[in-house]
C-alpha atoms as a PDB file:
ATOM      1  CA  UNK A   1     -10.349   3.850 -17.222  1.00  0.00           C
ATOM      2  CA  UNK A   2      -9.229   1.854 -14.151  1.00  0.00           C
ATOM      3  CA  UNK A   3      -7.830  -1.538 -14.876  1.00  0.00           C
ATOM      4  CA  UNK A   4      -8.608  -4.508 -12.584  1.00  0.00           C
ATOM      5  CA  UNK A   5      -6.864  -7.893 -12.525  1.00  0.00           C
ATOM      6  CA  UNK A   6      -9.286 -10.843 -11.875  1.00  0.00           C
ATOM      7  CA  UNK A   7      -7.231 -13.792 -10.650  1.00  0.00           C
ATOM      8  CA  UNK A   8      -9.103 -16.898 -10.318  1.00  0.00           C
ATOM      9  CA  UNK A   9      -8.793 -20.381 -11.683  1.00  0.00           C
ATOM     10  CA  UNK A  10     -12.411 -21.165 -12.223  1.00  0.00           C
ATOM     11  CA  UNK A  11     -13.210 -19.629 -15.594  1.00  0.00           C
ATOM     12  CA  UNK A  12     -16.944 -19.150 -14.963  1.00  0.00           C
ATOM     13  CA  UNK A  13     -16.473 -17.126 -11.664  1.00  0.00           C
ATOM     14  CA  UNK A  14     -13.823 -15.014 -13.274  1.00  0.00           C
ATOM     15  CA  UNK A  15     -15.932 -14.051 -16.204  1.00  0.00           C
ATOM     16  CA  UNK A  16     -18.888 -13.305 -13.720  1.00  0.00           C
ATOM     17  CA  UNK A  17     -16.661 -10.993 -11.771  1.00  0.00           C
ATOM     18  CA  UNK A  18     -15.339  -9.472 -15.055  1.00  0.00           C
ATOM     19  CA  UNK A  19     -18.823  -8.809 -16.237  1.00  0.00           C
ATOM     20  CA  UNK A  20     -19.922  -6.949 -13.089  1.00  0.00           C
ATOM     21  CA  UNK A  21     -16.820  -4.900 -12.954  1.00  0.00           C
ATOM     22  CA  UNK A  22     -17.174  -4.008 -16.547  1.00  0.00           C
ATOM     23  CA  UNK A  23     -20.842  -2.800 -15.873  1.00  0.00           C
ATOM     24  CA  UNK A  24     -19.366  -0.244 -13.298  1.00  0.00           C
ATOM     25  CA  UNK A  25     -16.933   1.143 -15.864  1.00  0.00           C
ATOM     26  CA  UNK A  26     -13.760  -0.930 -15.186  1.00  0.00           C
ATOM     27  CA  UNK A  27     -11.468  -2.496 -17.609  1.00  0.00           C
ATOM     28  CA  UNK A  28     -10.593  -6.261 -16.661  1.00  0.00           C
ATOM     29  CA  UNK A  29      -8.056  -8.816 -17.436  1.00  0.00           C
ATOM     30  CA  UNK A  30      -8.552 -12.338 -16.398  1.00  0.00           C
ATOM     31  CA  UNK A  31      -5.553 -14.646 -15.152  1.00  0.00           C
ATOM     32  CA  UNK A  32      -6.163 -18.298 -14.011  1.00  0.00           C
ATOM     33  CA  UNK A  33      -2.959 -18.742 -12.127  1.00  0.00           C
ATOM     34  CA  UNK A  34      -0.646 -16.422 -10.062  1.00  0.00           C
ATOM     35  CA  UNK A  35       2.489 -16.728 -12.351  1.00  0.00           C
ATOM     36  CA  UNK A  36       0.833 -15.324 -15.367  1.00  0.00           C
ATOM     37  CA  UNK A  37      -0.644 -12.633 -13.279  1.00  0.00           C
ATOM     38  CA  UNK A  38       2.657 -11.654 -11.782  1.00  0.00           C
ATOM     39  CA  UNK A  39       4.336 -11.344 -15.199  1.00  0.00           C
ATOM     40  CA  UNK A  40       1.482  -8.929 -16.351  1.00  0.00           C
ATOM     41  CA  UNK A  41       1.614  -7.048 -12.996  1.00  0.00           C
ATOM     42  CA  UNK A  42       5.371  -6.509 -13.352  1.00  0.00           C
ATOM     43  CA  UNK A  43       5.020  -5.338 -17.014  1.00  0.00           C
ATOM     44  CA  UNK A  44       2.047  -2.819 -16.812  1.00  0.00           C
ATOM     45  CA  UNK A  45       0.592  -2.849 -13.381  1.00  0.00           C
ATOM     46  CA  UNK A  46      -2.998  -2.702 -12.232  1.00  0.00           C
ATOM     47  CA  UNK A  47      -5.371  -0.167 -10.519  1.00  0.00           C
ATOM     48  CA  UNK A  48      -6.926  -2.806  -8.323  1.00  0.00           C
ATOM     49  CA  UNK A  49      -6.842  -6.798  -7.808  1.00  0.00           C
ATOM     50  CA  UNK A  50      -9.682  -9.378  -7.283  1.00  0.00           C
ATOM     51  CA  UNK A  51      -7.936 -12.423  -6.040  1.00  0.00           C
ATOM     52  CA  UNK A  52      -9.078 -15.962  -5.203  1.00  0.00           C
ATOM     53  CA  UNK A  53      -7.100 -17.665  -2.348  1.00  0.00           C
ATOM     54  CA  UNK A  54      -7.187 -21.251  -3.885  1.00  0.00           C
ATOM     55  CA  UNK A  55      -4.955 -21.087  -6.867  1.00  0.00           C
ATOM     56  CA  UNK A  56      -2.818 -23.622  -8.697  1.00  0.00           C
ATOM     57  CA  UNK A  57       0.952 -22.843  -8.072  1.00  0.00           C
ATOM     58  CA  UNK A  58       1.439 -19.746  -6.140  1.00  0.00           C
ATOM     59  CA  UNK A  59      -1.672 -19.397  -3.599  1.00  0.00           C
ATOM     60  CA  UNK A  60      -3.450 -16.114  -2.969  1.00  0.00           C
ATOM     61  CA  UNK A  61      -1.894 -15.527   0.402  1.00  0.00           C
ATOM     62  CA  UNK A  62       1.637 -15.961  -1.170  1.00  0.00           C
ATOM     63  CA  UNK A  63       0.606 -13.539  -3.840  1.00  0.00           C
ATOM     64  CA  UNK A  64      -0.625 -10.887  -1.491  1.00  0.00           C
ATOM     65  CA  UNK A  65       2.719 -11.080   0.491  1.00  0.00           C
ATOM     66  CA  UNK A  66       4.769 -10.654  -2.797  1.00  0.00           C
ATOM     67  CA  UNK A  67       2.717  -7.659  -3.881  1.00  0.00           C
ATOM     68  CA  UNK A  68       2.996  -5.930  -0.389  1.00  0.00           C
ATOM     69  CA  UNK A  69       6.778  -6.448  -0.099  1.00  0.00           C
ATOM     70  CA  UNK A  70       7.238  -4.645  -3.572  1.00  0.00           C
ATOM     71  CA  UNK A  71       7.314  -0.920  -3.187  1.00  0.00           C
ATOM     72  CA  UNK A  72       6.135  -0.256  -6.707  1.00  0.00           C
ATOM     73  CA  UNK A  73       2.818  -2.422  -6.207  1.00  0.00           C
ATOM     74  CA  UNK A  74       2.356  -2.348  -2.447  1.00  0.00           C
ATOM     75  CA  UNK A  75      -0.349   0.107  -2.242  1.00  0.00           C
ATOM     76  CA  UNK A  76      -2.795  -1.670  -4.866  1.00  0.00           C
ATOM     77  CA  UNK A  77      -6.075  -2.489  -3.375  1.00  0.00           C
ATOM     78  CA  UNK A  78      -6.766  -6.259  -3.154  1.00  0.00           C
ATOM     79  CA  UNK A  79     -10.178  -7.804  -2.774  1.00  0.00           C
ATOM     80  CA  UNK A  80     -10.024 -11.444  -1.852  1.00  0.00           C
ATOM     81  CA  UNK A  81     -12.531 -14.037  -2.803  1.00  0.00           C
ATOM     82  CA  UNK A  82     -12.540 -16.887  -0.223  1.00  0.00           C
ATOM     83  CA  UNK A  83     -14.814 -19.998   0.323  1.00  0.00           C
ATOM     84  CA  UNK A  84     -13.827 -19.841   4.051  1.00  0.00           C
ATOM     85  CA  UNK A  85     -15.795 -17.850   6.387  1.00  0.00           C
ATOM     86  CA  UNK A  86     -14.462 -18.795   9.773  1.00  0.00           C
ATOM     87  CA  UNK A  87     -13.029 -16.081  12.103  1.00  0.00           C
ATOM     88  CA  UNK A  88      -9.563 -17.406  11.949  1.00  0.00           C
ATOM     89  CA  UNK A  89      -9.577 -17.770   8.130  1.00  0.00           C
ATOM     90  CA  UNK A  90     -10.870 -14.192   7.596  1.00  0.00           C
ATOM     91  CA  UNK A  91      -8.021 -12.865  10.091  1.00  0.00           C
ATOM     92  CA  UNK A  92      -5.478 -14.872   8.007  1.00  0.00           C
ATOM     93  CA  UNK A  93      -6.536 -13.025   4.893  1.00  0.00           C
ATOM     94  CA  UNK A  94      -6.709  -9.452   6.427  1.00  0.00           C
ATOM     95  CA  UNK A  95      -3.332  -9.988   8.307  1.00  0.00           C
ATOM     96  CA  UNK A  96      -1.677 -11.118   5.075  1.00  0.00           C
ATOM     97  CA  UNK A  97      -2.197  -7.745   3.622  1.00  0.00           C
ATOM     98  CA  UNK A  98      -5.700  -7.741   1.887  1.00  0.00           C
ATOM     99  CA  UNK A  99      -7.734  -4.717   2.103  1.00  0.00           C
ATOM    100  CA  UNK A 100     -11.123  -6.509   2.179  1.00  0.00           C
ATOM    101  CA  UNK A 101     -12.915  -9.776   1.199  1.00  0.00           C
ATOM    102  CA  UNK A 102     -16.123 -11.514  -0.108  1.00  0.00           C
ATOM    103  CA  UNK A 103     -17.102 -15.066   0.636  1.00  0.00           C
ATOM    104  CA  UNK A 104     -18.527 -17.573  -1.917  1.00  0.00           C
ATOM    105  CA  UNK A 105     -21.299 -17.622  -3.015  1.00  0.00           C
ATOM    106  CA  UNK A 106     -21.090 -13.754  -3.673  1.00  0.00           C
ATOM    107  CA  UNK A 107     -23.277 -11.173  -5.058  1.00  0.00           C
ATOM    108  CA  UNK A 108     -21.647  -9.591  -8.118  1.00  0.00           C
ATOM    109  CA  UNK A 109     -22.996  -6.237  -7.553  1.00  0.00           C
ATOM    110  CA  UNK A 110     -21.644  -6.263  -3.966  1.00  0.00           C
ATOM    111  CA  UNK A 111     -18.335  -7.243  -5.026  1.00  0.00           C
ATOM    112  CA  UNK A 112     -18.224  -4.442  -7.600  1.00  0.00           C
ATOM    113  CA  UNK A 113     -19.117  -1.907  -5.129  1.00  0.00           C
ATOM    114  CA  UNK A 114     -16.458  -3.011  -2.597  1.00  0.00           C
ATOM    115  CA  UNK A 115     -13.937  -2.635  -5.515  1.00  0.00           C
ATOM    116  CA  UNK A 116     -15.031   0.938  -6.210  1.00  0.00           C
ATOM    117  CA  UNK A 117     -14.901   1.691  -2.474  1.00  0.00           C
ATOM    118  CA  UNK A 118     -11.387   0.423  -2.202  1.00  0.00           C
ATOM    119  CA  UNK A 119     -10.198   2.388  -5.220  1.00  0.00           C
ATOM    120  CA  UNK A 120     -11.824   5.737  -3.910  1.00  0.00           C
ATOM    121  CA  UNK A 121     -10.016   5.107  -0.459  1.00  0.00           C
ATOM    122  CA  UNK A 122      -6.772   4.600  -2.590  1.00  0.00           C
ATOM    123  CA  UNK A 123      -7.061   7.702  -4.463  1.00  0.00           C
ATOM    124  CA  UNK A 124      -7.749   9.766  -1.206  1.00  0.00           C
ATOM    125  CA  UNK A 125      -4.912   8.112   0.826  1.00  0.00           C
ATOM    126  CA  UNK A 126      -2.078   8.302  -1.956  1.00  0.00           C
ATOM    127  CA  UNK A 127      -1.634  11.943  -1.076  1.00  0.00           C
ATOM    128  CA  UNK A 128      -0.338  13.166   2.388  1.00  0.00           C
ATOM    129  CA  UNK A 129      -0.272  16.680   3.452  1.00  0.00           C
ATOM    130  CA  UNK A 130       1.282  18.372   6.461  1.00  0.00           C
ATOM    131  CA  UNK A 131       1.449  22.113   6.321  1.00  0.00           C
ATOM    132  CA  UNK A 132       3.212  22.971   3.162  1.00  0.00           C
ATOM    133  CA  UNK A 133       4.601  19.477   2.559  1.00  0.00           C
ATOM    134  CA  UNK A 134       2.737  17.353   0.175  1.00  0.00           C
ATOM    135  CA  UNK A 135       3.703  13.525  -0.379  1.00  0.00           C
ATOM    136  CA  UNK A 136       2.542  11.466  -3.190  1.00  0.00           C
ATOM    137  CA  UNK A 137       2.974   7.693  -2.200  1.00  0.00           C
ATOM    138  CA  UNK A 138       2.235   6.436  -5.690  1.00  0.00           C
ATOM    139  CA  UNK A 139       4.523   8.832  -7.627  1.00  0.00           C
ATOM    140  CA  UNK A 140       7.166   8.821  -5.066  1.00  0.00           C
ATOM    141  CA  UNK A 141       7.322  12.592  -5.021  1.00  0.00           C
ATOM    142  CA  UNK A 142       7.620  15.262  -2.269  1.00  0.00           C
ATOM    143  CA  UNK A 143       6.841  18.952  -2.462  1.00  0.00           C
ATOM    144  CA  UNK A 144       7.470  21.765  -0.196  1.00  0.00           C
ATOM    145  CA  UNK A 145       5.323  24.732  -1.023  1.00  0.00           C
ATOM    146  CA  UNK A 146       5.269  23.546  -4.704  1.00  0.00           C
ATOM    147  CA  UNK A 147       8.969  23.072  -4.852  1.00  0.00           C
ATOM    148  CA  UNK A 148       9.886  19.319  -5.627  1.00  0.00           C
ATOM    149  CA  UNK A 149      12.262  17.891  -3.034  1.00  0.00           C
ATOM    150  CA  UNK A 150      14.466  14.961  -4.059  1.00  0.00           C
ATOM    151  CA  UNK A 151      14.749  12.382  -1.283  1.00  0.00           C
ATOM    152  CA  UNK A 152      16.500   8.932  -0.974  1.00  0.00           C
ATOM    153  CA  UNK A 153      14.342   5.870  -0.525  1.00  0.00           C
ATOM    154  CA  UNK A 154      14.920   5.703   3.320  1.00  0.00           C
ATOM    155  CA  UNK A 155      14.222   9.581   3.744  1.00  0.00           C
ATOM    156  CA  UNK A 156      10.942   9.258   1.802  1.00  0.00           C
ATOM    157  CA  UNK A 157       9.974   6.254   4.020  1.00  0.00           C
ATOM    158  CA  UNK A 158      10.767   8.004   7.179  1.00  0.00           C
ATOM    159  CA  UNK A 159       8.727  11.077   5.951  1.00  0.00           C
ATOM    160  CA  UNK A 160       5.848   8.815   4.682  1.00  0.00           C
ATOM    161  CA  UNK A 161       5.702   7.011   8.254  1.00  0.00           C
ATOM    162  CA  UNK A 162       5.683  10.342  10.051  1.00  0.00           C
ATOM    163  CA  UNK A 163       2.916  11.835   7.856  1.00  0.00           C
ATOM    164  CA  UNK A 164       0.701   8.832   7.957  1.00  0.00           C
ATOM    165  CA  UNK A 165       0.536   9.468  11.840  1.00  0.00           C
ATOM    166  CA  UNK A 166       0.825  13.217  12.367  1.00  0.00           C
ATOM    167  CA  UNK A 167       1.363  14.130  16.080  1.00  0.00           C
ATOM    168  CA  UNK A 168       2.304  10.537  16.872  1.00  0.00           C
ATOM    169  CA  UNK A 169       5.984  10.418  18.452  1.00  0.00           C
ATOM    170  CA  UNK A 170       8.068   7.533  16.797  1.00  0.00           C
ATOM    171  CA  UNK A 171      10.980   6.332  18.819  1.00  0.00           C
ATOM    172  CA  UNK A 172      14.251   5.358  17.130  1.00  0.00           C
ATOM    173  CA  UNK A 173      13.530   1.686  17.797  1.00  0.00           C
ATOM    174  CA  UNK A 174      10.258   2.081  16.041  1.00  0.00           C
ATOM    175  CA  UNK A 175      11.766   3.504  13.050  1.00  0.00           C
ATOM    176  CA  UNK A 176      14.278   0.770  12.894  1.00  0.00           C
ATOM    177  CA  UNK A 177      11.568  -1.919  13.263  1.00  0.00           C
ATOM    178  CA  UNK A 178       9.241  -0.566  10.709  1.00  0.00           C
ATOM    179  CA  UNK A 179      11.613   0.582   7.972  1.00  0.00           C
ATOM    180  CA  UNK A 180      14.884  -1.437   8.270  1.00  0.00           C
ATOM    181  CA  UNK A 181      13.595  -4.687   6.773  1.00  0.00           C
ATOM    182  CA  UNK A 182      16.991  -5.670   4.887  1.00  0.00           C
ATOM    183  CA  UNK A 183      18.914  -8.330   6.903  1.00  0.00           C
ATOM    184  CA  UNK A 184      21.952  -7.344   5.392  1.00  0.00           C
ATOM    185  CA  UNK A 185      21.589  -3.784   6.908  1.00  0.00           C
ATOM    186  CA  UNK A 186      22.853  -3.167  10.516  1.00  0.00           C
ATOM    187  CA  UNK A 187      21.500   0.158  11.588  1.00  0.00           C
ATOM    188  CA  UNK A 188      21.965   1.767  14.842  1.00  0.00           C
ATOM    189  CA  UNK A 189      19.901   3.975  16.852  1.00  0.00           C
ATOM    190  CA  UNK A 190      21.700   7.103  15.916  1.00  0.00           C
ATOM    191  CA  UNK A 191      21.401   6.451  12.102  1.00  0.00           C
ATOM    192  CA  UNK A 192      17.821   7.719  12.394  1.00  0.00           C
ATOM    193  CA  UNK A 193      19.274  10.979  13.603  1.00  0.00           C
ATOM    194  CA  UNK A 194      21.484  11.269  10.487  1.00  0.00           C
ATOM    195  CA  UNK A 195      18.497  10.537   8.216  1.00  0.00           C
ATOM    196  CA  UNK A 196      16.299  13.076  10.054  1.00  0.00           C
ATOM    197  CA  UNK A 197      18.903  15.718   9.859  1.00  0.00           C
ATOM    198  CA  UNK A 198      19.364  15.343   6.082  1.00  0.00           C
ATOM    199  CA  UNK A 199      15.377  15.144   5.623  1.00  0.00           C
ATOM    200  CA  UNK A 200      15.245  18.618   7.454  1.00  0.00           C
ATOM    201  CA  UNK A 201      17.838  20.004   5.283  1.00  0.00           C
ATOM    202  CA  UNK A 202      16.326  18.970   2.007  1.00  0.00           C
ATOM    203  CA  UNK A 203      13.005  20.034   3.224  1.00  0.00           C
ATOM    204  CA  UNK A 204      14.258  23.681   3.940  1.00  0.00           C
ATOM    205  CA  UNK A 205      11.623  25.719   5.424  1.00  0.00           C
ATOM    206  CA  UNK A 206       9.373  22.749   5.620  1.00  0.00           C
ATOM    207  CA  UNK A 207      11.829  20.930   7.892  1.00  0.00           C
ATOM    208  CA  UNK A 208      10.346  22.811  10.759  1.00  0.00           C
ATOM    209  CA  UNK A 209       7.193  20.572  10.871  1.00  0.00           C
ATOM    210  CA  UNK A 210       9.504  17.720  11.866  1.00  0.00           C
ATOM    211  CA  UNK A 211      10.239  18.216  15.680  1.00  0.00           C
ATOM    212  CA  UNK A 212      12.382  16.265  18.189  1.00  0.00           C
ATOM    213  CA  UNK A 213      10.763  15.079  21.382  1.00  0.00           C
ATOM    214  CA  UNK A 214      13.754  14.903  23.765  1.00  0.00           C
ATOM    215  CA  UNK A 215      14.514  11.512  25.030  1.00  0.00           C
ATOM    216  CA  UNK A 216      11.898   9.878  22.946  1.00  0.00           C
ATOM    217  CA  UNK A 217      12.172  10.391  19.394  1.00  0.00           C
ATOM    218  CA  UNK A 218      10.432  12.468  16.454  1.00  0.00           C
ATOM    219  CA  UNK A 219       7.098  13.623  15.337  1.00  0.00           C
ATOM    220  CA  UNK A 220       5.542  15.647  12.490  1.00  0.00           C
ATOM    221  CA  UNK A 221       2.941  18.274  13.023  1.00  0.00           C
ATOM    222  CA  UNK A 222       1.850  21.792  11.813  1.00  0.00           C
ATOM    223  CA  UNK A 223       1.865  23.091  15.426  1.00  0.00           C
ATOM    224  CA  UNK A 224       4.775  24.729  16.611  1.00  0.00           C
END
């Protein structure tokens, strides 16, 4: 049974949300502030989150950013509840990392349906496939023709980015901008080449799917 966190400081609203989610077969746990929610998230995790923006202490947008910046939980679907319906307000919600939203007052059935849709999308998008390569984002696992490949975090991130956009050519600068977030790291363009070389070596026969586009960068494709 999928477990959904309901984070809302208004008890009546939280219980209504929980009621409709349970009718759809979900298990729920209610939190009235972000601090208690984060403690349980780090302990046991959740399959999905329904989150009010206006919370005491840590606000909803800050919670989303904390979740999205944590590799373990970054892919959890988040549905935001907001009383604001202006275009700029909604854009702020989506740009912060939320997957979808409902505005107050909301229809409980519609909210539950949106949560179900987000979970279906998550299930289908966790697995990436290119030729004989299979990457599981949630389990942090990679296989080549059913042989498990052990990658470093950076190698996994590079492969994941390539497989998210098959056929797209990524320049070295794009790799650095997207994947090198640690301010203490001082990567250089050619460090990408080193990681790609190691990645190909570990993938063995599946390394053929990663091709070099001379003078530009790298891409992944089943076509040779």
